[in-house]
Amino acid sequence: MDHEIKIEKAGDNWFAHVPELPGCMATGDTIEEVHRNIRTAIPSHLEALREIEEEAEKQ
């Protein structure tokens, strides 16, 4: 599944976030770096959400 990624210049760095995944964000010194970082952050974020959901179902 593809996710919309918003990338903005933030001072001397770049900032990326995924609007449909609150809290999923990344930074980088270059636009290429921030793009790589957010692409890594998305699956990690989704996995964390799955773990939270599984834990909530146990209770």
C-alpha atoms as a PDB file:
ATOM      1  CA  MET A   1       0.000   0.000   0.000  1.00  0.00           C
ATOM      2  CA  ASP A   2       1.345   3.395  -0.944  1.00  0.00           C
ATOM      3  CA  HIS A   3       1.143   6.246   1.518  1.00  0.00           C
ATOM      4  CA  GLU A   4       1.160   9.957   0.793  1.00  0.00           C
ATOM      5  CA  ILE A   5       4.408  11.455   2.054  1.00  0.00           C
ATOM      6  CA  LYS A   6       4.747  15.166   2.756  1.00  0.00           C
ATOM      7  CA  ILE A   7       8.293  16.541   2.654  1.00  0.00           C
ATOM      8  CA  GLU A   8       9.201  20.046   3.789  1.00  0.00           C
ATOM      9  CA  LYS A   9      12.359  22.044   4.301  1.00  0.00           C
ATOM     10  CA  ALA A  10      12.885  22.615   8.040  1.00  0.00           C
ATOM     11  CA  GLY A  11      15.727  25.022   8.669  1.00  0.00           C
ATOM     12  CA  ASP A  12      18.913  23.324   7.490  1.00  0.00           C
ATOM     13  CA  ASN A  13      17.227  19.892   7.346  1.00  0.00           C
ATOM     14  CA  TRP A  14      14.310  18.170   5.673  1.00  0.00           C
ATOM     15  CA  PHE A  15      11.223  16.846   7.469  1.00  0.00           C
ATOM     16  CA  ALA A  16       8.837  14.166   6.197  1.00  0.00           C
ATOM     17  CA  HIS A  17       5.580  12.839   7.596  1.00  0.00           C
ATOM     18  CA  VAL A  18       2.714  10.611   6.526  1.00  0.00           C
ATOM     19  CA  PRO A  19      -0.619  12.402   7.131  1.00  0.00           C
ATOM     20  CA  GLU A  20      -2.632   9.171   7.425  1.00  0.00           C
ATOM     21  CA  LEU A  21      -0.183   7.749   9.997  1.00  0.00           C
ATOM     22  CA  PRO A  22      -0.002  10.272  12.853  1.00  0.00           C
ATOM     23  CA  GLY A  23       3.399  10.163  14.497  1.00  0.00           C
ATOM     24  CA  CYS A  24       5.138   8.653  11.471  1.00  0.00           C
ATOM     25  CA  MET A  25       7.890  11.113  10.633  1.00  0.00           C
ATOM     26  CA  ALA A  26      11.541  11.377   9.693  1.00  0.00           C
ATOM     27  CA  THR A  27      14.258  13.951   9.157  1.00  0.00           C
ATOM     28  CA  GLY A  28      17.347  14.120   7.003  1.00  0.00           C
ATOM     29  CA  ASP A  29      20.139  16.403   5.888  1.00  0.00           C
ATOM     30  CA  THR A  30      19.097  16.034   2.237  1.00  0.00           C
ATOM     31  CA  ILE A  31      15.827  15.358   0.470  1.00  0.00           C
ATOM     32  CA  GLU A  32      17.203  11.978  -0.611  1.00  0.00           C
ATOM     33  CA  GLU A  33      18.076  11.076   2.968  1.00  0.00           C
ATOM     34  CA  VAL A  34      14.697  12.099   4.359  1.00  0.00           C
ATOM     35  CA  HIS A  35      12.963  10.098   1.636  1.00  0.00           C
ATOM     36  CA  ARG A  36      14.996   6.988   2.546  1.00  0.00           C
ATOM     37  CA  ASN A  37      14.334   7.579   6.243  1.00  0.00           C
ATOM     38  CA  ILE A  38      10.563   7.939   5.879  1.00  0.00           C
ATOM     39  CA  ARG A  39      10.427   4.834   3.665  1.00  0.00           C
ATOM     40  CA  THR A  40      12.120   2.965   6.525  1.00  0.00           C
ATOM     41  CA  ALA A  41       9.894   4.588   9.160  1.00  0.00           C
ATOM     42  CA  ILE A  42       6.581   3.587   7.537  1.00  0.00           C
ATOM     43  CA  PRO A  43       6.893  -0.205   7.982  1.00  0.00           C
ATOM     44  CA  SER A  44       8.324   0.264  11.483  1.00  0.00           C
ATOM     45  CA  HIS A  45       5.409   2.514  12.399  1.00  0.00           C
ATOM     46  CA  LEU A  46       2.854   0.058  10.993  1.00  0.00           C
ATOM     47  CA  GLU A  47       4.461  -2.813  12.909  1.00  0.00           C
ATOM     48  CA  ALA A  48       4.305  -0.809  16.150  1.00  0.00           C
ATOM     49  CA  LEU A  49       0.608  -0.095  15.539  1.00  0.00           C
ATOM     50  CA  ARG A  50      -0.036  -3.819  14.965  1.00  0.00           C
ATOM     51  CA  GLU A  51       1.744  -4.687  18.210  1.00  0.00           C
ATOM     52  CA  ILE A  52      -0.301  -2.113  20.129  1.00  0.00           C
ATOM     53  CA  GLU A  53      -3.511  -3.483  18.631  1.00  0.00           C
ATOM     54  CA  GLU A  54      -2.549  -7.071  19.486  1.00  0.00           C
ATOM     55  CA  GLU A  55      -1.716  -6.087  23.054  1.00  0.00           C
ATOM     56  CA  ALA A  56      -5.034  -4.255  23.421  1.00  0.00           C
ATOM     57  CA  GLU A  57      -6.914  -7.327  22.169  1.00  0.00           C
ATOM     58  CA  LYS A  58      -5.304  -9.453  24.910  1.00  0.00           C
ATOM     59  CA  GLN A  59      -6.700  -7.246  27.656  1.00  0.00           C
END
